[in-house]
Amino acid sequence: VIAIIGILVALLLPAIQAAREAARRAQCINNLKQYGIALHNYHATHKSFPLGAVFKNSNTDVYASANTSLLPYFEDTALHSIYDQNEQWEDQKPGVAAVAITVFKCPSSSAPNPFTDPHPLLKKYSKPDGTFGITEYAYCMGYTDAFCLRGLGEPGKVAKSQQGMFRPAFGASIRQITDGTSKTIAMGDASGDPKWKVCHLTKCTAADLAPTPGGEIPDALIGWIIGEPNSTPFFTALGARSSMYACTIEPMNKSPVTDTFVDLGQLGAEGILARTNPSYECKASFDTPPGRHSVSNFRSDHPGGCNFLMADGSVTFLNESIDMASYRARSTIAAEDINNE
């Protein structure tokens, strides 16, 4: 009898686990649909989707992320009302960054929510103790890792075949999405589960994993409040970090995850070029000459692929074995090649 029970358990357990994952995936899809509703309500009010990051005094001072801009459209007006738009994200009132927002977390991930970053720099910057509510959905930058600013908070130009719906200082409008809203990725899974470790720069591998000054291998956890990518002045102290942005240069579910990194030397040099030459297109890491930035890849804890929110508000599951040309075309707003599929 015991043997028969053991056999039955062995047969039923995978089915039970599959059913549980199906329920978690359905909840994850619903989270992305809530994002879609919020994005379209924001667009109806502002005639464009939110900026990935809002700058004010300089191109390194981020006052709000796209997640922050969407709070009223998630019916989270109480949190939005105590978020001070005149202060940078790291100078918000104690407890703001630590608020755990259910819709921002995928239930298939075992990431803690909120989490406390052990690094002293983040403890200093997030009052009072470096505790963050997480986000596990990333805004799509397209087929590019070019961070491009022409002036103070003014986006520079990215190649038409590479541009996604979001990046710092940029949020597309529906009229700019000439590929069609049902064929264009707005957001996608970006798990912060502890299994997703982070390495530095495009094409990095497990051999490139390096501990932070605190001695730990960095994972992909990121706070919903943080619209500011890791950059040159902070890399030595913080190590490799993910972000609320992702691109399609590398395959989904690449492990370890590529970090998001802004080389401020390149950002400043290209800003000068963009101001003097309006047609100048900022460089991605695969261009000639290559850019020196990087952007994280999409990843999920759902077997076989990732959920993606499309620009029309629908959600689709893409298999991780998808043809890369098709995957990249879906991530852009004006590549036009996907219309021929």
C-alpha atoms as a PDB file:
ATOM      1  CA  VAL A   1       0.000   0.000   0.000  1.00  0.00           C
ATOM      2  CA  ILE A   2       2.826   2.351   0.900  1.00  0.00           C
ATOM      3  CA  ALA A   3       4.517   1.602  -2.430  1.00  0.00           C
ATOM      4  CA  ILE A   4       1.302   2.303  -4.344  1.00  0.00           C
ATOM      5  CA  ILE A   5       0.813   5.586  -2.485  1.00  0.00           C
ATOM      6  CA  GLY A   6       4.408   6.555  -3.293  1.00  0.00           C
ATOM      7  CA  ILE A   7       3.867   5.820  -6.979  1.00  0.00           C
ATOM      8  CA  LEU A   8       0.638   7.851  -7.028  1.00  0.00           C
ATOM      9  CA  VAL A   9       2.348  10.787  -5.315  1.00  0.00           C
ATOM     10  CA  ALA A  10       5.201  10.613  -7.832  1.00  0.00           C
ATOM     11  CA  LEU A  11       2.669  10.671 -10.683  1.00  0.00           C
ATOM     12  CA  LEU A  12       0.500  13.429  -9.240  1.00  0.00           C
ATOM     13  CA  LEU A  13       3.185  15.790  -7.936  1.00  0.00           C
ATOM     14  CA  PRO A  14       4.298  17.078 -11.368  1.00  0.00           C
ATOM     15  CA  ALA A  15       0.656  17.687 -12.309  1.00  0.00           C
ATOM     16  CA  ILE A  16       0.053  19.579  -9.070  1.00  0.00           C
ATOM     17  CA  GLN A  17       3.183  21.668  -9.599  1.00  0.00           C
ATOM     18  CA  ALA A  18       2.143  22.385 -13.189  1.00  0.00           C
ATOM     19  CA  ALA A  19      -1.312  23.474 -12.021  1.00  0.00           C
ATOM     20  CA  ARG A  20       0.216  25.777  -9.424  1.00  0.00           C
ATOM     21  CA  GLU A  21       2.550  27.315 -12.012  1.00  0.00           C
ATOM     22  CA  ALA A  22      -0.405  27.795 -14.376  1.00  0.00           C
ATOM     23  CA  ALA A  23      -2.192  29.734 -11.636  1.00  0.00           C
ATOM     24  CA  ARG A  24       0.914  31.823 -10.923  1.00  0.00           C
ATOM     25  CA  ARG A  25       1.394  32.539 -14.613  1.00  0.00           C
ATOM     26  CA  ALA A  26      -2.258  33.608 -14.904  1.00  0.00           C
ATOM     27  CA  GLN A  27      -1.692  36.073 -12.043  1.00  0.00           C
ATOM     28  CA  CYS A  28       1.465  37.343 -13.731  1.00  0.00           C
ATOM     29  CA  ILE A  29      -0.500  37.907 -16.938  1.00  0.00           C
ATOM     30  CA  ASN A  30      -3.118  39.792 -14.953  1.00  0.00           C
ATOM     31  CA  ASN A  31      -0.387  42.000 -13.434  1.00  0.00           C
ATOM     32  CA  LEU A  32       0.823  42.934 -16.907  1.00  0.00           C
ATOM     33  CA  LYS A  33      -2.755  43.626 -18.024  1.00  0.00           C
ATOM     34  CA  GLN A  34      -3.089  46.017 -15.078  1.00  0.00           C
ATOM     35  CA  TYR A  35       0.070  47.721 -16.321  1.00  0.00           C
ATOM     36  CA  GLY A  36      -1.535  47.950 -19.760  1.00  0.00           C
ATOM     37  CA  ILE A  37      -4.641  49.639 -18.382  1.00  0.00           C
ATOM     38  CA  ALA A  38      -2.527  52.075 -16.364  1.00  0.00           C
ATOM     39  CA  LEU A  39      -0.330  52.904 -19.367  1.00  0.00           C
ATOM     40  CA  HIS A  40      -3.308  53.605 -21.618  1.00  0.00           C
ATOM     41  CA  ASN A  41      -5.058  55.720 -19.005  1.00  0.00           C
ATOM     42  CA  TYR A  42      -1.821  57.682 -18.614  1.00  0.00           C
ATOM     43  CA  HIS A  43      -1.611  58.080 -22.412  1.00  0.00           C
ATOM     44  CA  ALA A  44      -5.209  59.291 -22.580  1.00  0.00           C
ATOM     45  CA  THR A  45      -4.320  62.046 -20.113  1.00  0.00           C
ATOM     46  CA  HIS A  46      -0.820  63.016 -21.307  1.00  0.00           C
ATOM     47  CA  LYS A  47      -0.932  62.012 -25.028  1.00  0.00           C
ATOM     48  CA  SER A  48       2.146  59.816 -24.582  1.00  0.00           C
ATOM     49  CA  PHE A  49       3.361  56.968 -22.400  1.00  0.00           C
ATOM     50  CA  PRO A  50       5.396  57.926 -19.297  1.00  0.00           C
ATOM     51  CA  LEU A  51       9.072  58.792 -19.486  1.00  0.00           C
ATOM     52  CA  GLY A  52      11.320  55.989 -18.303  1.00  0.00           C
ATOM     53  CA  ALA A  53      12.922  58.520 -15.960  1.00  0.00           C
ATOM     54  CA  VAL A  54      12.219  62.168 -15.212  1.00  0.00           C
ATOM     55  CA  PHE A  55      15.254  64.507 -14.992  1.00  0.00           C
ATOM     56  CA  LYS A  56      15.342  68.055 -13.657  1.00  0.00           C
ATOM     57  CA  ASN A  57      18.581  69.712 -12.552  1.00  0.00           C
ATOM     58  CA  SER A  58      21.045  67.507 -14.423  1.00  0.00           C
ATOM     59  CA  ASN A  59      21.191  64.363 -16.528  1.00  0.00           C
ATOM     60  CA  THR A  60      22.184  62.350 -13.480  1.00  0.00           C
ATOM     61  CA  ASP A  61      19.430  63.594 -11.155  1.00  0.00           C
ATOM     62  CA  VAL A  62      16.390  61.312 -11.508  1.00  0.00           C
ATOM     63  CA  TYR A  63      13.258  62.555  -9.794  1.00  0.00           C
ATOM     64  CA  ALA A  64      10.763  59.865 -10.786  1.00  0.00           C
ATOM     65  CA  SER A  65      10.553  56.554 -12.617  1.00  0.00           C
ATOM     66  CA  ALA A  66       7.820  55.436 -14.997  1.00  0.00           C
ATOM     67  CA  ASN A  67       6.465  53.285 -12.149  1.00  0.00           C
ATOM     68  CA  THR A  68       6.123  56.393  -9.995  1.00  0.00           C
ATOM     69  CA  SER A  69       4.322  58.242 -12.793  1.00  0.00           C
ATOM     70  CA  LEU A  70       1.828  55.373 -13.104  1.00  0.00           C
ATOM     71  CA  LEU A  71       0.910  55.167  -9.401  1.00  0.00           C
ATOM     72  CA  PRO A  72      -2.321  57.205  -9.713  1.00  0.00           C
ATOM     73  CA  TYR A  73      -3.415  54.957 -12.597  1.00  0.00           C
ATOM     74  CA  PHE A  74      -2.994  51.879 -10.400  1.00  0.00           C
ATOM     75  CA  GLU A  75      -5.386  53.569  -7.948  1.00  0.00           C
ATOM     76  CA  ASP A  76      -2.438  54.056  -5.604  1.00  0.00           C
ATOM     77  CA  THR A  77      -3.045  57.767  -5.144  1.00  0.00           C
ATOM     78  CA  ALA A  78      -2.190  57.643  -1.429  1.00  0.00           C
ATOM     79  CA  LEU A  79       1.392  56.590  -2.156  1.00  0.00           C
ATOM     80  CA  HIS A  80       1.627  59.026  -5.065  1.00  0.00           C
ATOM     81  CA  SER A  81       0.436  61.868  -2.846  1.00  0.00           C
ATOM     82  CA  ILE A  82       3.349  61.415  -0.413  1.00  0.00           C
ATOM     83  CA  TYR A  83       5.913  61.044  -3.203  1.00  0.00           C
ATOM     84  CA  ASP A  84       7.596  64.445  -3.453  1.00  0.00           C
ATOM     85  CA  GLN A  85       8.069  65.273  -7.146  1.00  0.00           C
ATOM     86  CA  ASN A  86      10.530  68.008  -6.181  1.00  0.00           C
ATOM     87  CA  GLU A  87      12.941  65.532  -4.590  1.00  0.00           C
ATOM     88  CA  GLN A  88      15.106  62.895  -6.246  1.00  0.00           C
ATOM     89  CA  TRP A  89      14.038  59.284  -5.773  1.00  0.00           C
ATOM     90  CA  GLU A  90      16.717  58.647  -3.149  1.00  0.00           C
ATOM     91  CA  ASP A  91      15.558  61.632  -1.071  1.00  0.00           C
ATOM     92  CA  GLN A  92      11.948  60.558  -0.611  1.00  0.00           C
ATOM     93  CA  LYS A  93      10.388  60.323   2.842  1.00  0.00           C
ATOM     94  CA  PRO A  94      11.272  57.263   4.950  1.00  0.00           C
ATOM     95  CA  GLY A  95       9.201  54.242   4.001  1.00  0.00           C
ATOM     96  CA  VAL A  96       8.180  55.350   0.496  1.00  0.00           C
ATOM     97  CA  ALA A  97      10.706  53.161  -1.328  1.00  0.00           C
ATOM     98  CA  ALA A  98       9.883  50.190   0.917  1.00  0.00           C
ATOM     99  CA  VAL A  99       6.201  49.979  -0.035  1.00  0.00           C
ATOM    100  CA  ALA A 100       5.529  46.568  -1.619  1.00  0.00           C
ATOM    101  CA  ILE A 101       3.086  46.924  -4.521  1.00  0.00           C
ATOM    102  CA  THR A 102       1.448  43.599  -5.333  1.00  0.00           C
ATOM    103  CA  VAL A 103       0.990  44.209  -9.042  1.00  0.00           C
ATOM    104  CA  PHE A 104       4.722  44.876  -9.475  1.00  0.00           C
ATOM    105  CA  LYS A 105       5.752  41.332  -8.423  1.00  0.00           C
ATOM    106  CA  CYS A 106       5.421  38.084 -10.373  1.00  0.00           C
ATOM    107  CA  PRO A 107       4.139  35.261  -8.125  1.00  0.00           C
ATOM    108  CA  SER A 108       6.352  32.699  -9.882  1.00  0.00           C
ATOM    109  CA  SER A 109       9.428  34.415  -8.442  1.00  0.00           C
ATOM    110  CA  SER A 110      10.676  33.677  -4.938  1.00  0.00           C
ATOM    111  CA  ALA A 111      12.228  37.134  -4.595  1.00  0.00           C
ATOM    112  CA  PRO A 112      11.545  38.803  -1.236  1.00  0.00           C
ATOM    113  CA  ASN A 113       9.241  41.807  -1.342  1.00  0.00           C
ATOM    114  CA  PRO A 114      10.324  44.188   0.035  1.00  0.00           C
ATOM    115  CA  PHE A 115      14.048  43.489   0.264  1.00  0.00           C
ATOM    116  CA  THR A 116      16.856  45.280   2.081  1.00  0.00           C
ATOM    117  CA  ASP A 117      19.904  46.005  -0.007  1.00  0.00           C
ATOM    118  CA  PRO A 118      23.009  45.217   2.054  1.00  0.00           C
ATOM    119  CA  HIS A 119      25.158  47.842   0.388  1.00  0.00           C
ATOM    120  CA  PRO A 120      25.859  50.893   2.604  1.00  0.00           C
ATOM    121  CA  LEU A 121      25.514  53.268  -0.360  1.00  0.00           C
ATOM    122  CA  LEU A 122      21.940  52.114  -1.028  1.00  0.00           C
ATOM    123  CA  LYS A 123      21.152  52.257   2.673  1.00  0.00           C
ATOM    124  CA  LYS A 124      22.270  55.868   2.603  1.00  0.00           C
ATOM    125  CA  TYR A 125      20.306  56.688  -0.532  1.00  0.00           C
ATOM    126  CA  SER A 126      17.060  54.976   0.443  1.00  0.00           C
ATOM    127  CA  LYS A 127      15.825  56.332   3.739  1.00  0.00           C
ATOM    128  CA  PRO A 128      15.996  54.976   6.334  1.00  0.00           C
ATOM    129  CA  ASP A 129      17.635  51.562   5.752  1.00  0.00           C
ATOM    130  CA  GLY A 130      17.897  50.663   2.066  1.00  0.00           C
ATOM    131  CA  THR A 131      14.637  48.694   1.971  1.00  0.00           C
ATOM    132  CA  PHE A 132      12.852  48.576  -1.385  1.00  0.00           C
ATOM    133  CA  GLY A 133       9.588  47.245  -2.708  1.00  0.00           C
ATOM    134  CA  ILE A 134      10.527  45.398  -5.893  1.00  0.00           C
ATOM    135  CA  THR A 135       9.428  45.391  -9.494  1.00  0.00           C
ATOM    136  CA  GLU A 136       9.723  42.317 -11.718  1.00  0.00           C
ATOM    137  CA  TYR A 137       8.492  43.870 -14.953  1.00  0.00           C
ATOM    138  CA  ALA A 138      10.832  45.869 -17.194  1.00  0.00           C
ATOM    139  CA  TYR A 139      10.109  48.641 -19.676  1.00  0.00           C
ATOM    140  CA  CYS A 140      11.243  47.773 -23.195  1.00  0.00           C
ATOM    141  CA  MET A 141      14.049  49.910 -24.672  1.00  0.00           C
ATOM    142  CA  GLY A 142      13.881  47.996 -27.969  1.00  0.00           C
ATOM    143  CA  TYR A 143      16.802  46.515 -29.880  1.00  0.00           C
ATOM    144  CA  THR A 144      19.319  48.902 -28.361  1.00  0.00           C
ATOM    145  CA  ASP A 145      21.291  49.647 -25.231  1.00  0.00           C
ATOM    146  CA  ALA A 146      21.936  53.260 -26.257  1.00  0.00           C
ATOM    147  CA  PHE A 147      21.274  55.790 -23.516  1.00  0.00           C
ATOM    148  CA  CYS A 148      20.982  59.058 -25.344  1.00  0.00           C
ATOM    149  CA  LEU A 149      20.327  62.588 -24.055  1.00  0.00           C
ATOM    150  CA  ARG A 150      20.635  65.704 -26.190  1.00  0.00           C
ATOM    151  CA  GLY A 151      20.018  68.292 -23.496  1.00  0.00           C
ATOM    152  CA  LEU A 152      18.742  68.403 -19.927  1.00  0.00           C
ATOM    153  CA  GLY A 153      16.156  65.646 -19.799  1.00  0.00           C
ATOM    154  CA  GLU A 154      15.798  65.793 -23.586  1.00  0.00           C
ATOM    155  CA  PRO A 155      16.131  62.469 -25.444  1.00  0.00           C
ATOM    156  CA  GLY A 156      18.619  62.161 -28.264  1.00  0.00           C
ATOM    157  CA  LYS A 157      18.062  60.184 -31.444  1.00  0.00           C
ATOM    158  CA  VAL A 158      18.255  56.395 -31.671  1.00  0.00           C
ATOM    159  CA  ALA A 159      18.205  54.480 -34.968  1.00  0.00           C
ATOM    160  CA  LYS A 160      14.644  53.933 -36.191  1.00  0.00           C
ATOM    161  CA  SER A 161      15.184  50.185 -36.471  1.00  0.00           C
ATOM    162  CA  GLN A 162      16.278  49.998 -32.796  1.00  0.00           C
ATOM    163  CA  GLN A 163      14.009  52.363 -30.841  1.00  0.00           C
ATOM    164  CA  GLY A 164      11.717  50.869 -28.197  1.00  0.00           C
ATOM    165  CA  MET A 165       8.787  52.410 -26.354  1.00  0.00           C
ATOM    166  CA  PHE A 166      10.757  53.561 -23.309  1.00  0.00           C
ATOM    167  CA  ARG A 167      14.100  54.810 -22.050  1.00  0.00           C
ATOM    168  CA  PRO A 168      15.171  57.524 -19.601  1.00  0.00           C
ATOM    169  CA  ALA A 169      13.643  60.855 -20.701  1.00  0.00           C
ATOM    170  CA  PHE A 170      11.573  59.106 -23.388  1.00  0.00           C
ATOM    171  CA  GLY A 171       8.132  57.555 -23.576  1.00  0.00           C
ATOM    172  CA  ALA A 172       6.610  56.941 -27.000  1.00  0.00           C
ATOM    173  CA  SER A 173       3.165  58.046 -28.124  1.00  0.00           C
ATOM    174  CA  ILE A 174       0.802  55.734 -29.975  1.00  0.00           C
ATOM    175  CA  ARG A 175       1.285  57.685 -33.200  1.00  0.00           C
ATOM    176  CA  GLN A 176       5.010  56.907 -33.035  1.00  0.00           C
ATOM    177  CA  ILE A 177       4.354  53.149 -32.909  1.00  0.00           C
ATOM    178  CA  THR A 178       4.148  52.629 -36.657  1.00  0.00           C
ATOM    179  CA  ASP A 179       4.755  48.875 -36.397  1.00  0.00           C
ATOM    180  CA  GLY A 180       1.286  48.562 -34.857  1.00  0.00           C
ATOM    181  CA  THR A 181       0.421  48.456 -31.163  1.00  0.00           C
ATOM    182  CA  SER A 182      -0.484  44.746 -31.216  1.00  0.00           C
ATOM    183  CA  LYS A 183       2.973  43.908 -32.585  1.00  0.00           C
ATOM    184  CA  THR A 184       5.102  46.065 -30.296  1.00  0.00           C
ATOM    185  CA  ILE A 185       6.418  45.064 -26.859  1.00  0.00           C
ATOM    186  CA  ALA A 186       5.856  47.621 -24.111  1.00  0.00           C
ATOM    187  CA  MET A 187       7.038  45.606 -21.103  1.00  0.00           C
ATOM    188  CA  GLY A 188       8.042  42.094 -20.138  1.00  0.00           C
ATOM    189  CA  ASP A 189       9.049  39.750 -17.345  1.00  0.00           C
ATOM    190  CA  ALA A 190      12.211  40.741 -15.456  1.00  0.00           C
ATOM    191  CA  SER A 191      12.460  38.352 -12.525  1.00  0.00           C
ATOM    192  CA  GLY A 192      14.428  39.233  -9.418  1.00  0.00           C
ATOM    193  CA  ASP A 193      14.483  35.646  -8.140  1.00  0.00           C
ATOM    194  CA  PRO A 194      17.772  34.881  -6.331  1.00  0.00           C
ATOM    195  CA  LYS A 195      18.783  32.434  -9.075  1.00  0.00           C
ATOM    196  CA  TRP A 196      19.204  35.321 -11.542  1.00  0.00           C
ATOM    197  CA  LYS A 197      22.728  36.624 -11.005  1.00  0.00           C
ATOM    198  CA  VAL A 198      24.081  39.692 -12.810  1.00  0.00           C
ATOM    199  CA  CYS A 199      27.308  40.157 -14.791  1.00  0.00           C
ATOM    200  CA  HIS A 200      28.813  43.268 -16.366  1.00  0.00           C
ATOM    201  CA  LEU A 201      28.274  44.436 -19.987  1.00  0.00           C
ATOM    202  CA  THR A 202      26.773  42.843 -23.084  1.00  0.00           C
ATOM    203  CA  LYS A 203      27.794  39.228 -23.853  1.00  0.00           C
ATOM    204  CA  CYS A 204      29.034  38.666 -20.300  1.00  0.00           C
ATOM    205  CA  THR A 205      28.984  35.072 -19.046  1.00  0.00           C
ATOM    206  CA  ALA A 206      29.223  33.167 -15.775  1.00  0.00           C
ATOM    207  CA  ALA A 207      33.002  33.612 -15.987  1.00  0.00           C
ATOM    208  CA  ASP A 208      32.421  37.370 -15.610  1.00  0.00           C
ATOM    209  CA  LEU A 209      30.437  37.150 -12.378  1.00  0.00           C
ATOM    210  CA  ALA A 210      32.193  39.245  -9.766  1.00  0.00           C
ATOM    211  CA  PRO A 211      31.383  39.911  -6.112  1.00  0.00           C
ATOM    212  CA  THR A 212      30.450  43.382  -4.962  1.00  0.00           C
ATOM    213  CA  PRO A 213      32.689  45.109  -2.398  1.00  0.00           C
ATOM    214  CA  GLY A 214      30.396  43.503   0.189  1.00  0.00           C
ATOM    215  CA  GLY A 215      31.453  40.063  -1.029  1.00  0.00           C
ATOM    216  CA  GLU A 216      28.167  38.836  -2.546  1.00  0.00           C
ATOM    217  CA  ILE A 217      27.453  37.985  -6.190  1.00  0.00           C
ATOM    218  CA  PRO A 218      24.817  40.538  -7.256  1.00  0.00           C
ATOM    219  CA  ASP A 219      21.359  39.320  -8.205  1.00  0.00           C
ATOM    220  CA  ALA A 220      18.716  40.964 -10.370  1.00  0.00           C
ATOM    221  CA  LEU A 221      16.513  42.503  -7.657  1.00  0.00           C
ATOM    222  CA  ILE A 222      15.558  46.119  -8.305  1.00  0.00           C
ATOM    223  CA  GLY A 223      13.295  48.570  -6.476  1.00  0.00           C
ATOM    224  CA  TRP A 224      10.229  49.928  -8.279  1.00  0.00           C
ATOM    225  CA  ILE A 225      11.236  53.460  -7.308  1.00  0.00           C
ATOM    226  CA  ILE A 226      14.653  53.326  -9.024  1.00  0.00           C
ATOM    227  CA  GLY A 227      14.460  54.841 -12.500  1.00  0.00           C
ATOM    228  CA  GLU A 228      18.157  55.718 -12.465  1.00  0.00           C
ATOM    229  CA  PRO A 229      20.419  53.105 -14.099  1.00  0.00           C
ATOM    230  CA  ASN A 230      23.753  52.217 -12.520  1.00  0.00           C
ATOM    231  CA  SER A 231      26.516  54.379 -13.980  1.00  0.00           C
ATOM    232  CA  THR A 232      30.250  55.035 -13.978  1.00  0.00           C
ATOM    233  CA  PRO A 233      30.523  56.897 -10.630  1.00  0.00           C
ATOM    234  CA  PHE A 234      28.686  54.136  -8.735  1.00  0.00           C
ATOM    235  CA  PHE A 235      29.845  50.952 -10.468  1.00  0.00           C
ATOM    236  CA  THR A 236      32.987  50.470  -8.390  1.00  0.00           C
ATOM    237  CA  ALA A 237      30.972  50.659  -5.179  1.00  0.00           C
ATOM    238  CA  LEU A 238      27.791  48.879  -6.287  1.00  0.00           C
ATOM    239  CA  GLY A 239      29.039  46.296  -8.787  1.00  0.00           C
ATOM    240  CA  ALA A 240      26.785  44.997 -11.574  1.00  0.00           C
ATOM    241  CA  ARG A 241      23.103  45.939 -11.202  1.00  0.00           C
ATOM    242  CA  SER A 242      19.919  45.248 -13.140  1.00  0.00           C
ATOM    243  CA  SER A 243      17.244  47.897 -13.691  1.00  0.00           C
ATOM    244  CA  MET A 244      13.623  48.538 -14.612  1.00  0.00           C
ATOM    245  CA  TYR A 245      14.698  48.563 -18.289  1.00  0.00           C
ATOM    246  CA  ALA A 246      15.358  45.641 -20.641  1.00  0.00           C
ATOM    247  CA  CYS A 247      16.238  45.224 -24.308  1.00  0.00           C
ATOM    248  CA  THR A 248      16.367  42.471 -26.931  1.00  0.00           C
ATOM    249  CA  ILE A 249      20.036  42.570 -27.925  1.00  0.00           C
ATOM    250  CA  GLU A 250      20.470  39.288 -26.061  1.00  0.00           C
ATOM    251  CA  PRO A 251      18.057  36.334 -25.794  1.00  0.00           C
ATOM    252  CA  MET A 252      15.401  36.259 -23.113  1.00  0.00           C
ATOM    253  CA  ASN A 253      16.356  34.139 -20.098  1.00  0.00           C
ATOM    254  CA  LYS A 254      20.079  34.680 -20.686  1.00  0.00           C
ATOM    255  CA  SER A 255      21.812  33.660 -17.476  1.00  0.00           C
ATOM    256  CA  PRO A 256      23.600  35.337 -15.886  1.00  0.00           C
ATOM    257  CA  VAL A 257      21.624  38.477 -16.634  1.00  0.00           C
ATOM    258  CA  THR A 258      23.466  41.341 -18.314  1.00  0.00           C
ATOM    259  CA  ASP A 259      23.585  44.422 -16.116  1.00  0.00           C
ATOM    260  CA  THR A 260      22.214  47.862 -16.955  1.00  0.00           C
ATOM    261  CA  PHE A 261      25.056  50.363 -17.073  1.00  0.00           C
ATOM    262  CA  VAL A 262      25.516  53.920 -18.329  1.00  0.00           C
ATOM    263  CA  ASP A 263      29.005  55.081 -19.264  1.00  0.00           C
ATOM    264  CA  LEU A 264      28.797  58.780 -18.370  1.00  0.00           C
ATOM    265  CA  GLY A 265      31.785  59.580 -20.608  1.00  0.00           C
ATOM    266  CA  GLN A 266      29.931  58.286 -23.636  1.00  0.00           C
ATOM    267  CA  LEU A 267      26.660  59.882 -22.490  1.00  0.00           C
ATOM    268  CA  GLY A 268      28.314  63.313 -22.294  1.00  0.00           C
ATOM    269  CA  ALA A 269      30.237  62.978 -25.569  1.00  0.00           C
ATOM    270  CA  GLU A 270      27.166  61.857 -27.480  1.00  0.00           C
ATOM    271  CA  GLY A 271      25.127  64.630 -25.902  1.00  0.00           C
ATOM    272  CA  ILE A 272      27.494  67.170 -27.466  1.00  0.00           C
ATOM    273  CA  LEU A 273      27.320  65.400 -30.836  1.00  0.00           C
ATOM    274  CA  ALA A 274      23.521  65.268 -30.677  1.00  0.00           C
ATOM    275  CA  ARG A 275      23.254  68.989 -29.936  1.00  0.00           C
ATOM    276  CA  THR A 276      25.549  69.993 -32.808  1.00  0.00           C
ATOM    277  CA  ASN A 277      24.158  67.443 -35.286  1.00  0.00           C
ATOM    278  CA  PRO A 278      20.396  66.771 -34.959  1.00  0.00           C
ATOM    279  CA  SER A 279      20.665  63.692 -37.207  1.00  0.00           C
ATOM    280  CA  TYR A 280      23.281  62.016 -35.005  1.00  0.00           C
ATOM    281  CA  GLU A 281      22.159  58.568 -33.787  1.00  0.00           C
ATOM    282  CA  CYS A 282      23.522  57.350 -30.462  1.00  0.00           C
ATOM    283  CA  LYS A 283      25.433  54.068 -30.571  1.00  0.00           C
ATOM    284  CA  ALA A 284      24.419  50.666 -29.245  1.00  0.00           C
ATOM    285  CA  SER A 285      27.010  48.123 -28.146  1.00  0.00           C
ATOM    286  CA  PHE A 286      26.843  46.334 -31.531  1.00  0.00           C
ATOM    287  CA  ASP A 287      27.257  49.486 -33.636  1.00  0.00           C
ATOM    288  CA  THR A 288      30.464  50.790 -35.214  1.00  0.00           C
ATOM    289  CA  PRO A 289      32.015  52.336 -33.235  1.00  0.00           C
ATOM    290  CA  PRO A 290      30.423  50.378 -30.376  1.00  0.00           C
ATOM    291  CA  GLY A 291      28.646  52.008 -27.473  1.00  0.00           C
ATOM    292  CA  ARG A 292      29.865  51.312 -23.948  1.00  0.00           C
ATOM    293  CA  HIS A 293      26.486  51.044 -22.216  1.00  0.00           C
ATOM    294  CA  SER A 294      24.512  47.878 -21.493  1.00  0.00           C
ATOM    295  CA  VAL A 295      20.884  46.971 -20.724  1.00  0.00           C
ATOM    296  CA  SER A 296      19.537  43.868 -18.996  1.00  0.00           C
ATOM    297  CA  ASN A 297      17.745  41.053 -20.826  1.00  0.00           C
ATOM    298  CA  PHE A 298      14.166  39.925 -20.156  1.00  0.00           C
ATOM    299  CA  ARG A 299      13.872  36.797 -17.960  1.00  0.00           C
ATOM    300  CA  SER A 300      11.173  34.887 -16.100  1.00  0.00           C
ATOM    301  CA  ASP A 301      10.526  31.910 -13.825  1.00  0.00           C
ATOM    302  CA  HIS A 302       7.857  30.568 -16.193  1.00  0.00           C
ATOM    303  CA  PRO A 303       9.079  27.472 -18.057  1.00  0.00           C
ATOM    304  CA  GLY A 304      10.157  28.092 -21.632  1.00  0.00           C
ATOM    305  CA  GLY A 305       9.803  31.840 -22.097  1.00  0.00           C
ATOM    306  CA  CYS A 306       8.442  35.168 -20.865  1.00  0.00           C
ATOM    307  CA  ASN A 307       5.183  37.088 -20.711  1.00  0.00           C
ATOM    308  CA  PHE A 308       5.118  40.371 -22.605  1.00  0.00           C
ATOM    309  CA  LEU A 309       2.717  43.295 -22.492  1.00  0.00           C
ATOM    310  CA  MET A 310       2.103  44.644 -25.977  1.00  0.00           C
ATOM    311  CA  ALA A 311       1.455  48.303 -26.700  1.00  0.00           C
ATOM    312  CA  ASP A 312      -2.267  47.682 -27.251  1.00  0.00           C
ATOM    313  CA  GLY A 313      -2.646  46.315 -23.701  1.00  0.00           C
ATOM    314  CA  SER A 314      -2.752  42.633 -24.639  1.00  0.00           C
ATOM    315  CA  VAL A 315      -0.378  40.086 -23.091  1.00  0.00           C
ATOM    316  CA  THR A 316       1.390  37.333 -25.016  1.00  0.00           C
ATOM    317  CA  PHE A 317       3.794  34.558 -24.052  1.00  0.00           C
ATOM    318  CA  LEU A 318       6.898  34.310 -26.256  1.00  0.00           C
ATOM    319  CA  ASN A 319       8.965  31.144 -26.319  1.00  0.00           C
ATOM    320  CA  GLU A 320      12.627  31.579 -25.453  1.00  0.00           C
ATOM    321  CA  SER A 321      13.531  29.776 -28.688  1.00  0.00           C
ATOM    322  CA  ILE A 322      11.932  32.528 -30.800  1.00  0.00           C
ATOM    323  CA  ASP A 323      13.908  33.662 -33.832  1.00  0.00           C
ATOM    324  CA  MET A 324      16.012  36.591 -32.655  1.00  0.00           C
ATOM    325  CA  ALA A 325      15.180  38.763 -35.675  1.00  0.00           C
ATOM    326  CA  SER A 326      11.466  38.364 -34.953  1.00  0.00           C
ATOM    327  CA  TYR A 327      11.993  38.961 -31.224  1.00  0.00           C
ATOM    328  CA  ARG A 328      13.959  42.127 -31.868  1.00  0.00           C
ATOM    329  CA  ALA A 329      11.441  43.418 -34.414  1.00  0.00           C
ATOM    330  CA  ARG A 330       8.649  43.045 -31.846  1.00  0.00           C
ATOM    331  CA  SER A 331      10.612  45.181 -29.398  1.00  0.00           C
ATOM    332  CA  THR A 332      10.827  48.240 -31.670  1.00  0.00           C
ATOM    333  CA  ILE A 333       8.231  50.882 -32.460  1.00  0.00           C
ATOM    334  CA  ALA A 334       9.154  51.614 -36.073  1.00  0.00           C
ATOM    335  CA  ALA A 335      11.343  48.844 -37.533  1.00  0.00           C
ATOM    336  CA  GLU A 336       8.521  47.972 -39.965  1.00  0.00           C
ATOM    337  CA  ASP A 337      10.014  44.567 -40.810  1.00  0.00           C
ATOM    338  CA  ILE A 338       7.587  42.712 -38.567  1.00  0.00           C
ATOM    339  CA  ASN A 339       4.665  43.897 -40.669  1.00  0.00           C
ATOM    340  CA  ASN A 340       5.819  41.539 -43.382  1.00  0.00           C
ATOM    341  CA  GLU A 341       5.582  38.412 -41.208  1.00  0.00           C
END
